[in-house]
PDB file of N, CA and C in Angstrom:
ATOM      1  N   MET A   1     111.672 104.961 102.605  1.00  0.00           N
ATOM      2  CA  MET A   1     110.319 105.097 101.823  1.00  0.00           C
ATOM      3  C   MET A   1     110.275 104.273 100.643  1.00  0.00           C
ATOM      4  N   ASP A   2     109.477 103.806 100.126  1.00  0.00           N
ATOM      5  CA  ASP A   2     109.362 103.032  98.838  1.00  0.00           C
ATOM      6  C   ASP A   2     108.725 104.088  97.595  1.00  0.00           C
ATOM      7  N   GLU A   3     107.480 104.816  98.564  1.00  0.00           N
ATOM      8  CA  GLU A   3     106.675 105.413  97.704  1.00  0.00           C
ATOM      9  C   GLU A   3     107.257 106.310  96.452  1.00  0.00           C
ATOM     10  N   THR A   4     106.657 106.210  95.338  1.00  0.00           N
ATOM     11  CA  THR A   4     106.971 107.027  94.554  1.00  0.00           C
ATOM     12  C   THR A   4     106.149 107.653  93.246  1.00  0.00           C
ATOM     13  N   LEU A   5     106.767 109.028  93.142  1.00  0.00           N
ATOM     14  CA  LEU A   5     105.899 109.970  92.706  1.00  0.00           C
ATOM     15  C   LEU A   5     105.840 109.983  91.087  1.00  0.00           C
ATOM     16  N   TYR A   6     104.907 109.606  90.222  1.00  0.00           N
ATOM     17  CA  TYR A   6     104.920 110.108  88.919  1.00  0.00           C
ATOM     18  C   TYR A   6     104.050 111.229  88.698  1.00  0.00           C
ATOM     19  N   ALA A   7     105.147 111.943  88.316  1.00  0.00           N
ATOM     20  CA  ALA A   7     104.233 113.535  87.615  1.00  0.00           C
ATOM     21  C   ALA A   7     104.117 113.840  85.989  1.00  0.00           C
ATOM     22  N   VAL A   8     103.467 114.184  85.609  1.00  0.00           N
ATOM     23  CA  VAL A   8     102.863 114.385  84.219  1.00  0.00           C
ATOM     24  C   VAL A   8     102.601 115.749  84.216  1.00  0.00           C
ATOM     25  N   LYS A   9     103.337 117.052  83.800  1.00  0.00           N
ATOM     26  CA  LYS A   9     102.919 118.067  83.095  1.00  0.00           C
ATOM     27  C   LYS A   9     102.558 118.215  81.552  1.00  0.00           C
ATOM     28  N   VAL A  10     101.478 118.902  81.693  1.00  0.00           N
ATOM     29  CA  VAL A  10     101.080 118.908  80.030  1.00  0.00           C
ATOM     30  C   VAL A  10     100.368 120.023  79.878  1.00  0.00           C
ATOM     31  N   TRP A  11     100.622 120.480  78.584  1.00  0.00           N
ATOM     32  CA  TRP A  11     100.381 121.732  77.596  1.00  0.00           C
ATOM     33  C   TRP A  11      99.259 121.341  77.118  1.00  0.00           C
ATOM     34  N   VAL A  12      98.202 121.632  76.581  1.00  0.00           N
ATOM     35  CA  VAL A  12      97.039 121.565  75.745  1.00  0.00           C
ATOM     36  C   VAL A  12      96.519 123.078  74.981  1.00  0.00           C
ATOM     37  N   ASP A  13      96.808 123.008  73.650  1.00  0.00           N
ATOM     38  CA  ASP A  13      96.190 123.952  72.814  1.00  0.00           C
ATOM     39  C   ASP A  13      94.991 124.363  73.002  1.00  0.00           C
ATOM     40  N   PRO A  14      94.976 125.612  73.388  1.00  0.00           N
ATOM     41  CA  PRO A  14      93.332 126.207  74.499  1.00  0.00           C
ATOM     42  C   PRO A  14      92.757 126.161  72.698  1.00  0.00           C
ATOM     43  N   GLU A  15      92.985 126.160  72.142  1.00  0.00           N
ATOM     44  CA  GLU A  15      91.975 126.123  70.626  1.00  0.00           C
ATOM     45  C   GLU A  15      91.632 124.985  70.116  1.00  0.00           C
ATOM     46  N   ARG A  16      92.264 123.916  70.568  1.00  0.00           N
ATOM     47  CA  ARG A  16      91.900 122.619  69.482  1.00  0.00           C
ATOM     48  C   ARG A  16      91.873 121.332  70.892  1.00  0.00           C
ATOM     49  N   GLY A  17      92.180 121.956  72.306  1.00  0.00           N
ATOM     50  CA  GLY A  17      91.859 120.936  73.122  1.00  0.00           C
ATOM     51  C   GLY A  17      90.975 120.645  73.566  1.00  0.00           C
ATOM     52  N   GLN A  18      89.936 121.469  73.590  1.00  0.00           N
ATOM     53  CA  GLN A  18      89.020 121.068  74.311  1.00  0.00           C
ATOM     54  C   GLN A  18      87.973 119.466  74.861  1.00  0.00           C
ATOM     55  N   ALA A  19      88.408 118.707  74.040  1.00  0.00           N
ATOM     56  CA  ALA A  19      88.331 117.206  73.808  1.00  0.00           C
ATOM     57  C   ALA A  19      89.194 116.810  74.727  1.00  0.00           C
ATOM     58  N   TYR A  20      90.563 116.742  74.652  1.00  0.00           N
ATOM     59  CA  TYR A  20      91.659 116.564  75.340  1.00  0.00           C
ATOM     60  C   TYR A  20      91.500 116.513  76.537  1.00  0.00           C
ATOM     61  N   ILE A  21      91.344 117.947  76.871  1.00  0.00           N
ATOM     62  CA  ILE A  21      90.798 118.104  78.662  1.00  0.00           C
ATOM     63  C   ILE A  21      90.083 117.471  79.143  1.00  0.00           C
ATOM     64  N   ASN A  22      88.223 117.326  78.208  1.00  0.00           N
ATOM     65  CA  ASN A  22      87.385 116.601  78.815  1.00  0.00           C
ATOM     66  C   ASN A  22      88.026 115.247  79.222  1.00  0.00           C
ATOM     67  N   TRP A  23      88.927 114.604  78.303  1.00  0.00           N
ATOM     68  CA  TRP A  23      89.395 113.579  78.409  1.00  0.00           C
ATOM     69  C   TRP A  23      89.721 113.406  79.387  1.00  0.00           C
ATOM     70  N   LEU A  24      90.853 114.151  79.983  1.00  0.00           N
ATOM     71  CA  LEU A  24      91.552 113.839  80.921  1.00  0.00           C
ATOM     72  C   LEU A  24      91.218 114.417  82.874  1.00  0.00           C
ATOM     73  N   LYS A  25      90.404 115.396  82.777  1.00  0.00           N
ATOM     74  CA  LYS A  25      89.492 115.435  83.636  1.00  0.00           C
ATOM     75  C   LYS A  25      87.973 114.045  83.825  1.00  0.00           C
ATOM     76  N   GLY A  26      88.057 113.659  82.940  1.00  0.00           N
ATOM     77  CA  GLY A  26      86.539 113.047  82.759  1.00  0.00           C
ATOM     78  C   GLY A  26      86.898 111.718  83.183  1.00  0.00           C
ATOM     79  N   GLY A  27      87.810 111.474  83.642  1.00  0.00           N
ATOM     80  CA  GLY A  27      87.852 110.014  83.762  1.00  0.00           C
ATOM     81  C   GLY A  27      89.802 109.432  83.685  1.00  0.00           C
ATOM     82  N   HIS A  28      90.059 109.886  82.883  1.00  0.00           N
ATOM     83  CA  HIS A  28      91.560 109.575  82.868  1.00  0.00           C
ATOM     84  C   HIS A  28      92.584 109.513  84.374  1.00  0.00           C
ATOM     85  N   VAL A  29      92.480 110.235  84.757  1.00  0.00           N
ATOM     86  CA  VAL A  29      93.328 110.419  86.187  1.00  0.00           C
ATOM     87  C   VAL A  29      92.965 109.114  87.368  1.00  0.00           C
ATOM     88  N   ALA A  30      91.328 109.304  87.101  1.00  0.00           N
ATOM     89  CA  ALA A  30      90.316 108.073  87.801  1.00  0.00           C
ATOM     90  C   ALA A  30      91.023 106.770  87.218  1.00  0.00           C
ATOM     91  N   GLU A  31      91.487 106.646  85.983  1.00  0.00           N
ATOM     92  CA  GLU A  31      91.393 105.208  85.488  1.00  0.00           C
ATOM     93  C   GLU A  31      93.094 104.715  85.691  1.00  0.00           C
ATOM     94  N   VAL A  32      93.979 106.233  85.573  1.00  0.00           N
ATOM     95  CA  VAL A  32      94.664 105.453  86.284  1.00  0.00           C
ATOM     96  C   VAL A  32      95.117 105.235  87.878  1.00  0.00           C
ATOM     97  N   ALA A  33      94.353 105.841  88.735  1.00  0.00           N
ATOM     98  CA  ALA A  33      94.014 105.801  90.353  1.00  0.00           C
ATOM     99  C   ALA A  33      93.413 104.361  90.455  1.00  0.00           C
ATOM    100  N   SER A  34      93.146 104.122  89.781  1.00  0.00           N
ATOM    101  CA  SER A  34      91.980 102.586  89.712  1.00  0.00           C
ATOM    102  C   SER A  34      93.374 101.236  89.567  1.00  0.00           C
ATOM    103  N   ALA A  35      94.618 101.523  88.877  1.00  0.00           N
ATOM    104  CA  ALA A  35      95.614 100.633  89.032  1.00  0.00           C
ATOM    105  C   ALA A  35      96.191 100.027  90.163  1.00  0.00           C
ATOM    106  N   PRO A  36      96.615  98.724  89.952  1.00  0.00           N
ATOM    107  CA  PRO A  36      97.039  98.342  91.099  1.00  0.00           C
ATOM    108  C   PRO A  36      98.517  98.843  91.708  1.00  0.00           C
ATOM    109  N   GLY A  37      98.666  99.255  92.728  1.00  0.00           N
ATOM    110  CA  GLY A  37      99.976  99.815  93.584  1.00  0.00           C
ATOM    111  C   GLY A  37      99.547 101.956  93.722  1.00  0.00           C
ATOM    112  N   VAL A  38      98.752 101.888  93.215  1.00  0.00           N
ATOM    113  CA  VAL A  38      98.318 103.730  92.935  1.00  0.00           C
ATOM    114  C   VAL A  38      97.461 103.873  94.400  1.00  0.00           C
ATOM    115  N   ILE A  39      98.723 104.921  95.549  1.00  0.00           N
ATOM    116  CA  ILE A  39      97.931 105.352  96.556  1.00  0.00           C
ATOM    117  C   ILE A  39      96.959 106.370  96.730  1.00  0.00           C
ATOM    118  N   TRP A  40      97.700 107.435  95.532  1.00  0.00           N
ATOM    119  CA  TRP A  40      96.314 108.489  95.367  1.00  0.00           C
ATOM    120  C   TRP A  40      96.232 109.123  93.798  1.00  0.00           C
ATOM    121  N   ALA A  41      95.828 110.017  93.335  1.00  0.00           N
ATOM    122  CA  ALA A  41      95.869 110.477  92.205  1.00  0.00           C
ATOM    123  C   ALA A  41      95.266 111.676  92.463  1.00  0.00           C
ATOM    124  N   ARG A  42      96.547 112.814  91.316  1.00  0.00           N
ATOM    125  CA  ARG A  42      95.612 114.226  91.913  1.00  0.00           C
ATOM    126  C   ARG A  42      95.817 114.972  90.050  1.00  0.00           C
ATOM    127  N   LEU A  43      94.657 115.789  90.455  1.00  0.00           N
ATOM    128  CA  LEU A  43      94.950 116.488  88.768  1.00  0.00           C
ATOM    129  C   LEU A  43      95.074 117.864  89.205  1.00  0.00           C
ATOM    130  N   ILE A  44      95.746 118.687  88.557  1.00  0.00           N
ATOM    131  CA  ILE A  44      95.883 120.385  89.169  1.00  0.00           C
ATOM    132  C   ILE A  44      95.354 120.837  87.649  1.00  0.00           C
ATOM    133  N   GLU A  45      94.865 121.931  87.902  1.00  0.00           N
ATOM    134  CA  GLU A  45      95.177 123.139  86.609  1.00  0.00           C
ATOM    135  C   GLU A  45      96.085 123.969  86.977  1.00  0.00           C
ATOM    136  N   LEU A  46      96.917 124.142  86.575  1.00  0.00           N
ATOM    137  CA  LEU A  46      97.662 125.189  86.717  1.00  0.00           C
ATOM    138  C   LEU A  46      97.575 126.480  86.147  1.00  0.00           C
ATOM    139  N   GLU A  47      98.061 127.465  86.895  1.00  0.00           N
ATOM    140  CA  GLU A  47      97.193 129.219  86.729  1.00  0.00           C
ATOM    141  C   GLU A  47      98.268 129.867  85.848  1.00  0.00           C
ATOM    142  N   ASP A  48      99.443 129.124  85.633  1.00  0.00           N
ATOM    143  CA  ASP A  48     100.634 129.712  84.675  1.00  0.00           C
ATOM    144  C   ASP A  48     100.097 129.067  83.326  1.00  0.00           C
ATOM    145  N   CYS A  49      99.901 129.877  82.416  1.00  0.00           N
ATOM    146  CA  CYS A  49     100.217 128.895  81.083  1.00  0.00           C
ATOM    147  C   CYS A  49     101.361 128.881  80.210  1.00  0.00           C
ATOM    148  N   ALA A  50     101.610 128.277  79.214  1.00  0.00           N
ATOM    149  CA  ALA A  50     103.175 127.974  78.524  1.00  0.00           C
ATOM    150  C   ALA A  50     103.608 128.872  77.909  1.00  0.00           C
ATOM    151  N   PRO A  51     104.795 129.733  77.608  1.00  0.00           N
ATOM    152  CA  PRO A  51     104.625 130.984  76.744  1.00  0.00           C
ATOM    153  C   PRO A  51     104.011 130.763  75.511  1.00  0.00           C
ATOM    154  N   ASP A  52     103.779 129.757  74.899  1.00  0.00           N
ATOM    155  CA  ASP A  52     102.797 129.835  73.504  1.00  0.00           C
ATOM    156  C   ASP A  52     101.262 129.823  74.165  1.00  0.00           C
ATOM    157  N   GLY A  53     101.132 130.365  75.338  1.00  0.00           N
ATOM    158  CA  GLY A  53      99.640 130.548  75.601  1.00  0.00           C
ATOM    159  C   GLY A  53      98.939 129.244  76.077  1.00  0.00           C
ATOM    160  N   TRP A  54      99.770 127.828  75.583  1.00  0.00           N
ATOM    161  CA  TRP A  54      99.194 126.434  75.730  1.00  0.00           C
ATOM    162  C   TRP A  54      98.344 126.817  77.463  1.00  0.00           C
ATOM    163  N   LEU A  55      97.481 125.673  77.922  1.00  0.00           N
ATOM    164  CA  LEU A  55      96.945 125.480  79.083  1.00  0.00           C
ATOM    165  C   LEU A  55      98.169 124.338  79.631  1.00  0.00           C
ATOM    166  N   GLY A  56      97.878 124.413  81.288  1.00  0.00           N
ATOM    167  CA  GLY A  56      99.048 123.578  81.761  1.00  0.00           C
ATOM    168  C   GLY A  56      97.927 123.088  82.569  1.00  0.00           C
ATOM    169  N   PHE A  57      98.478 121.945  82.927  1.00  0.00           N
ATOM    170  CA  PHE A  57      98.219 120.812  83.995  1.00  0.00           C
ATOM    171  C   PHE A  57      98.927 120.161  84.440  1.00  0.00           C
ATOM    172  N   LEU A  58      98.798 119.538  85.702  1.00  0.00           N
ATOM    173  CA  LEU A  58      99.356 118.344  86.377  1.00  0.00           C
ATOM    174  C   LEU A  58      98.996 117.718  87.035  1.00  0.00           C
ATOM    175  N   ALA A  59      99.786 116.322  86.208  1.00  0.00           N
ATOM    176  CA  ALA A  59      98.804 114.807  86.991  1.00  0.00           C
ATOM    177  C   ALA A  59      99.866 114.540  87.900  1.00  0.00           C
ATOM    178  N   LEU A  60      99.183 114.171  89.617  1.00  0.00           N
ATOM    179  CA  LEU A  60     100.434 113.635  90.013  1.00  0.00           C
ATOM    180  C   LEU A  60      99.867 112.323  90.588  1.00  0.00           C
ATOM    181  N   TYR A  61     100.865 110.962  90.626  1.00  0.00           N
ATOM    182  CA  TYR A  61     100.299 109.933  91.313  1.00  0.00           C
ATOM    183  C   TYR A  61     101.597 109.486  91.913  1.00  0.00           C
ATOM    184  N   ALA A  62     100.927 108.875  92.964  1.00  0.00           N
ATOM    185  CA  ALA A  62     101.645 108.108  94.252  1.00  0.00           C
ATOM    186  C   ALA A  62     101.625 106.584  94.094  1.00  0.00           C
ATOM    187  N   PHE A  63     102.848 106.150  93.858  1.00  0.00           N
ATOM    188  CA  PHE A  63     102.724 104.510  93.780  1.00  0.00           C
ATOM    189  C   PHE A  63     103.034 104.178  95.106  1.00  0.00           C
ATOM    190  N   GLU A  64     102.960 102.953  95.552  1.00  0.00           N
ATOM    191  CA  GLU A  64     103.353 102.191  96.128  1.00  0.00           C
ATOM    192  C   GLU A  64     105.037 101.748  96.621  1.00  0.00           C
ATOM    193  N   SER A  65     105.093 101.519  95.223  1.00  0.00           N
ATOM    194  CA  SER A  65     106.797 101.625  95.163  1.00  0.00           C
ATOM    195  C   SER A  65     106.983 102.028  93.984  1.00  0.00           C
ATOM    196  N   ARG A  66     108.508 101.790  93.131  1.00  0.00           N
ATOM    197  CA  ARG A  66     109.039 102.009  91.679  1.00  0.00           C
ATOM    198  C   ARG A  66     108.616 100.603  91.020  1.00  0.00           C
ATOM    199  N   GLN A  67     108.556  99.510  91.677  1.00  0.00           N
ATOM    200  CA  GLN A  67     107.848  98.443  91.172  1.00  0.00           C
ATOM    201  C   GLN A  67     106.798  98.371  90.711  1.00  0.00           C
ATOM    202  N   ALA A  68     105.774  99.194  91.671  1.00  0.00           N
ATOM    203  CA  ALA A  68     104.223  99.501  91.239  1.00  0.00           C
ATOM    204  C   ALA A  68     103.821  99.791  90.011  1.00  0.00           C
ATOM    205  N   LEU A  69     105.115 100.795  89.849  1.00  0.00           N
ATOM    206  CA  LEU A  69     104.615 101.895  88.510  1.00  0.00           C
ATOM    207  C   LEU A  69     105.507 100.838  87.652  1.00  0.00           C
ATOM    208  N   GLU A  70     106.385 100.732  87.850  1.00  0.00           N
ATOM    209  CA  GLU A  70     106.603 100.166  86.139  1.00  0.00           C
ATOM    210  C   GLU A  70     105.683  99.141  85.907  1.00  0.00           C
ATOM    211  N   ALA A  71     105.195  98.262  87.264  1.00  0.00           N
ATOM    212  CA  ALA A  71     103.972  97.011  86.508  1.00  0.00           C
ATOM    213  C   ALA A  71     103.222  98.051  85.787  1.00  0.00           C
ATOM    214  N   TYR A  72     102.524  99.179  86.379  1.00  0.00           N
ATOM    215  CA  TYR A  72     101.163  99.781  85.642  1.00  0.00           C
ATOM    216  C   TYR A  72     102.052 100.340  84.066  1.00  0.00           C
ATOM    217  N   GLN A  73     103.537 100.205  84.139  1.00  0.00           N
ATOM    218  CA  GLN A  73     103.942 101.426  82.474  1.00  0.00           C
ATOM    219  C   GLN A  73     103.919 100.279  81.825  1.00  0.00           C
ATOM    220  N   THR A  74     103.397  98.744  82.301  1.00  0.00           N
ATOM    221  CA  THR A  74     103.683  97.777  81.290  1.00  0.00           C
ATOM    222  C   THR A  74     102.123  96.877  81.524  1.00  0.00           C
ATOM    223  N   SER A  75     101.473  97.510  81.799  1.00  0.00           N
ATOM    224  CA  SER A  75      99.942  97.054  82.158  1.00  0.00           C
ATOM    225  C   SER A  75      99.319  97.224  80.833  1.00  0.00           C
ATOM    226  N   ASP A  76      98.057  96.302  80.593  1.00  0.00           N
ATOM    227  CA  ASP A  76      97.309  96.533  79.451  1.00  0.00           C
ATOM    228  C   ASP A  76      96.849  98.165  79.413  1.00  0.00           C
ATOM    229  N   LEU A  77      96.412  98.338  80.591  1.00  0.00           N
ATOM    230  CA  LEU A  77      95.747  99.448  81.121  1.00  0.00           C
ATOM    231  C   LEU A  77      96.416 100.848  80.389  1.00  0.00           C
ATOM    232  N   PHE A  78      97.970 100.851  80.789  1.00  0.00           N
ATOM    233  CA  PHE A  78      98.649 101.754  80.147  1.00  0.00           C
ATOM    234  C   PHE A  78      98.728 101.767  78.939  1.00  0.00           C
ATOM    235  N   ARG A  79      98.911 100.492  77.962  1.00  0.00           N
ATOM    236  CA  ARG A  79      98.923 100.571  76.287  1.00  0.00           C
ATOM    237  C   ARG A  79      97.851 100.818  76.459  1.00  0.00           C
ATOM    238  N   SER A  80      96.107 100.893  77.181  1.00  0.00           N
ATOM    239  CA  SER A  80      95.003 101.461  75.988  1.00  0.00           C
ATOM    240  C   SER A  80      94.909 102.836  75.882  1.00  0.00           C
ATOM    241  N   PHE A  81      96.050 103.633  76.604  1.00  0.00           N
ATOM    242  CA  PHE A  81      95.937 104.877  76.616  1.00  0.00           C
ATOM    243  C   PHE A  81      96.882 105.332  74.957  1.00  0.00           C
ATOM    244  N   ALA A  82      97.473 104.610  74.252  1.00  0.00           N
ATOM    245  CA  ALA A  82      98.192 105.056  73.053  1.00  0.00           C
ATOM    246  C   ALA A  82      97.281 105.221  71.695  1.00  0.00           C
ATOM    247  N   PRO A  83      96.230 104.939  71.691  1.00  0.00           N
ATOM    248  CA  PRO A  83      95.531 105.288  71.044  1.00  0.00           C
ATOM    249  C   PRO A  83      94.473 106.257  70.881  1.00  0.00           C
ATOM    250  N   ILE A  84      94.588 106.806  71.961  1.00  0.00           N
ATOM    251  CA  ILE A  84      94.248 108.359  72.455  1.00  0.00           C
ATOM    252  C   ILE A  84      95.340 108.990  72.366  1.00  0.00           C
ATOM    253  N   TYR A  85      96.053 108.758  72.759  1.00  0.00           N
ATOM    254  CA  TYR A  85      97.502 109.993  72.835  1.00  0.00           C
ATOM    255  C   TYR A  85      97.508 110.138  71.334  1.00  0.00           C
ATOM    256  N   LYS A  86      97.532 109.197  70.292  1.00  0.00           N
ATOM    257  CA  LYS A  86      97.474 109.172  68.611  1.00  0.00           C
ATOM    258  C   LYS A  86      96.539 109.762  68.097  1.00  0.00           C
ATOM    259  N   GLU A  87      95.626 109.799  68.737  1.00  0.00           N
ATOM    260  CA  GLU A  87      94.489 110.768  68.445  1.00  0.00           C
ATOM    261  C   GLU A  87      94.343 112.208  68.616  1.00  0.00           C
ATOM    262  N   PHE A  88      95.089 112.611  69.765  1.00  0.00           N
ATOM    263  CA  PHE A  88      95.207 113.880  70.167  1.00  0.00           C
ATOM    264  C   PHE A  88      96.695 114.880  69.835  1.00  0.00           C
ATOM    265  N   ASP A  89      97.556 113.700  68.832  1.00  0.00           N
ATOM    266  CA  ASP A  89      98.510 114.307  68.883  1.00  0.00           C
ATOM    267  C   ASP A  89      98.348 115.790  68.431  1.00  0.00           C
ATOM    268  N   GLY A  90      99.289 116.436  68.925  1.00  0.00           N
ATOM    269  CA  GLY A  90      99.256 118.367  68.183  1.00  0.00           C
ATOM    270  C   GLY A  90      98.461 118.530  69.086  1.00  0.00           C
ATOM    271  N   VAL A  91      98.075 118.508  69.911  1.00  0.00           N
ATOM    272  CA  VAL A  91      96.651 119.060  70.016  1.00  0.00           C
ATOM    273  C   VAL A  91      97.515 119.392  72.398  1.00  0.00           C
ATOM    274  N   PHE A  92      98.362 118.185  72.363  1.00  0.00           N
ATOM    275  CA  PHE A  92      99.058 118.183  73.758  1.00  0.00           C
ATOM    276  C   PHE A  92     100.302 118.059  73.779  1.00  0.00           C
ATOM    277  N   ARG A  93     100.882 118.289  74.623  1.00  0.00           N
ATOM    278  CA  ARG A  93     102.397 117.935  74.350  1.00  0.00           C
ATOM    279  C   ARG A  93     102.808 117.718  76.533  1.00  0.00           C
ATOM    280  N   ALA A  94     103.347 116.557  76.726  1.00  0.00           N
ATOM    281  CA  ALA A  94     103.731 116.378  77.950  1.00  0.00           C
ATOM    282  C   ALA A  94     105.015 116.162  78.216  1.00  0.00           C
ATOM    283  N   GLU A  95     105.485 116.447  79.652  1.00  0.00           N
ATOM    284  CA  GLU A  95     107.046 116.292  80.229  1.00  0.00           C
ATOM    285  C   GLU A  95     106.307 115.398  81.665  1.00  0.00           C
ATOM    286  N   ARG A  96     107.438 114.055  81.444  1.00  0.00           N
ATOM    287  CA  ARG A  96     107.001 113.691  82.785  1.00  0.00           C
ATOM    288  C   ARG A  96     108.317 113.145  83.307  1.00  0.00           C
ATOM    289  N   ALA A  97     108.088 112.800  84.946  1.00  0.00           N
ATOM    290  CA  ALA A  97     109.266 113.041  86.101  1.00  0.00           C
ATOM    291  C   ALA A  97     108.769 112.325  86.903  1.00  0.00           C
ATOM    292  N   VAL A  98     109.781 110.652  87.504  1.00  0.00           N
ATOM    293  CA  VAL A  98     109.807 110.109  88.497  1.00  0.00           C
ATOM    294  C   VAL A  98     110.838 110.271  89.964  1.00  0.00           C
ATOM    295  N   GLY A  99     110.432 110.200  90.728  1.00  0.00           N
ATOM    296  CA  GLY A  99     110.945 110.108  91.789  1.00  0.00           C
ATOM    297  C   GLY A  99     110.534 109.678  93.241  1.00  0.00           C
ATOM    298  N   GLU A 100     111.507 109.252  93.988  1.00  0.00           N
ATOM    299  CA  GLU A 100     110.972 108.622  95.122  1.00  0.00           C
ATOM    300  C   GLU A 100     111.342 109.268  96.121  1.00  0.00           C
ATOM    301  N   VAL A 101     109.638 109.101  97.002  1.00  0.00           N
ATOM    302  CA  VAL A 101     109.659 110.183  98.198  1.00  0.00           C
ATOM    303  C   VAL A 101     110.704 109.733  99.400  1.00  0.00           C
ATOM    304  N   VAL A 102     110.921 111.070  99.653  1.00  0.00           N
ATOM    305  CA  VAL A 102     112.307 110.810 100.705  1.00  0.00           C
ATOM    306  C   VAL A 102     112.164 111.367 101.891  1.00  0.00           C
ATOM    307  N   GLU A 103     111.133 112.338 101.951  1.00  0.00           N
ATOM    308  CA  GLU A 103     110.821 113.014 103.056  1.00  0.00           C
ATOM    309  C   GLU A 103     109.277 113.437 103.282  1.00  0.00           C
ATOM    310  N   TYR A 104     107.912 113.091 104.103  1.00  0.00           N
ATOM    311  CA  TYR A 104     107.217 113.236 103.870  1.00  0.00           C
ATOM    312  C   TYR A 104     106.565 114.341 105.125  1.00  0.00           C
ATOM    313  N   HIS A 105     106.047 115.384 105.050  1.00  0.00           N
ATOM    314  CA  HIS A 105     105.648 115.935 106.291  1.00  0.00           C
ATOM    315  C   HIS A 105     103.934 116.348 105.960  1.00  0.00           C
ATOM    316  N   GLY A 106     103.331 116.413 107.395  1.00  0.00           N
ATOM    317  CA  GLY A 106     101.807 117.275 106.970  1.00  0.00           C
ATOM    318  C   GLY A 106     101.046 115.785 107.012  1.00  0.00           C
ATOM    319  N   ARG A 107      99.640 116.058 106.102  1.00  0.00           N
ATOM    320  CA  ARG A 107      98.698 115.226 106.059  1.00  0.00           C
ATOM    321  C   ARG A 107      98.782 114.135 104.372  1.00  0.00           C
TER     322      ARG A 107
END
C-alpha cells in the first residue's frame, strides 16, 4: 500500500487567531485537497485545547504516495502559503507527522 498520510495538528490563540481559523476553514484545506496526488482531505476541530487554552485543529491529508506528498511539498501551491504563515506568526503553532498507511479497515 503506497498511500501516505500527512497530519498537521494546529494550535490557535483563541484571542488573536480568528482570522487564521477563518483562513484554515475557509479554503486552505480545500486548496491542498486540489493538489495532484491528494486522495482526500479532512479538517477536524478538536474537542481538547492545549494546556495554555489554545484551540486545536487537525488537518489530515491522504496522498497517493510518498512521492505525491513530496511533489506537493516542493510545489508552487505549497510555497504560496509561506507569506500567510508569516502573517499569522505567533497566532498558531503546528506539529506535522507523515506516515505510510500499512492497514486499512472500513469505508
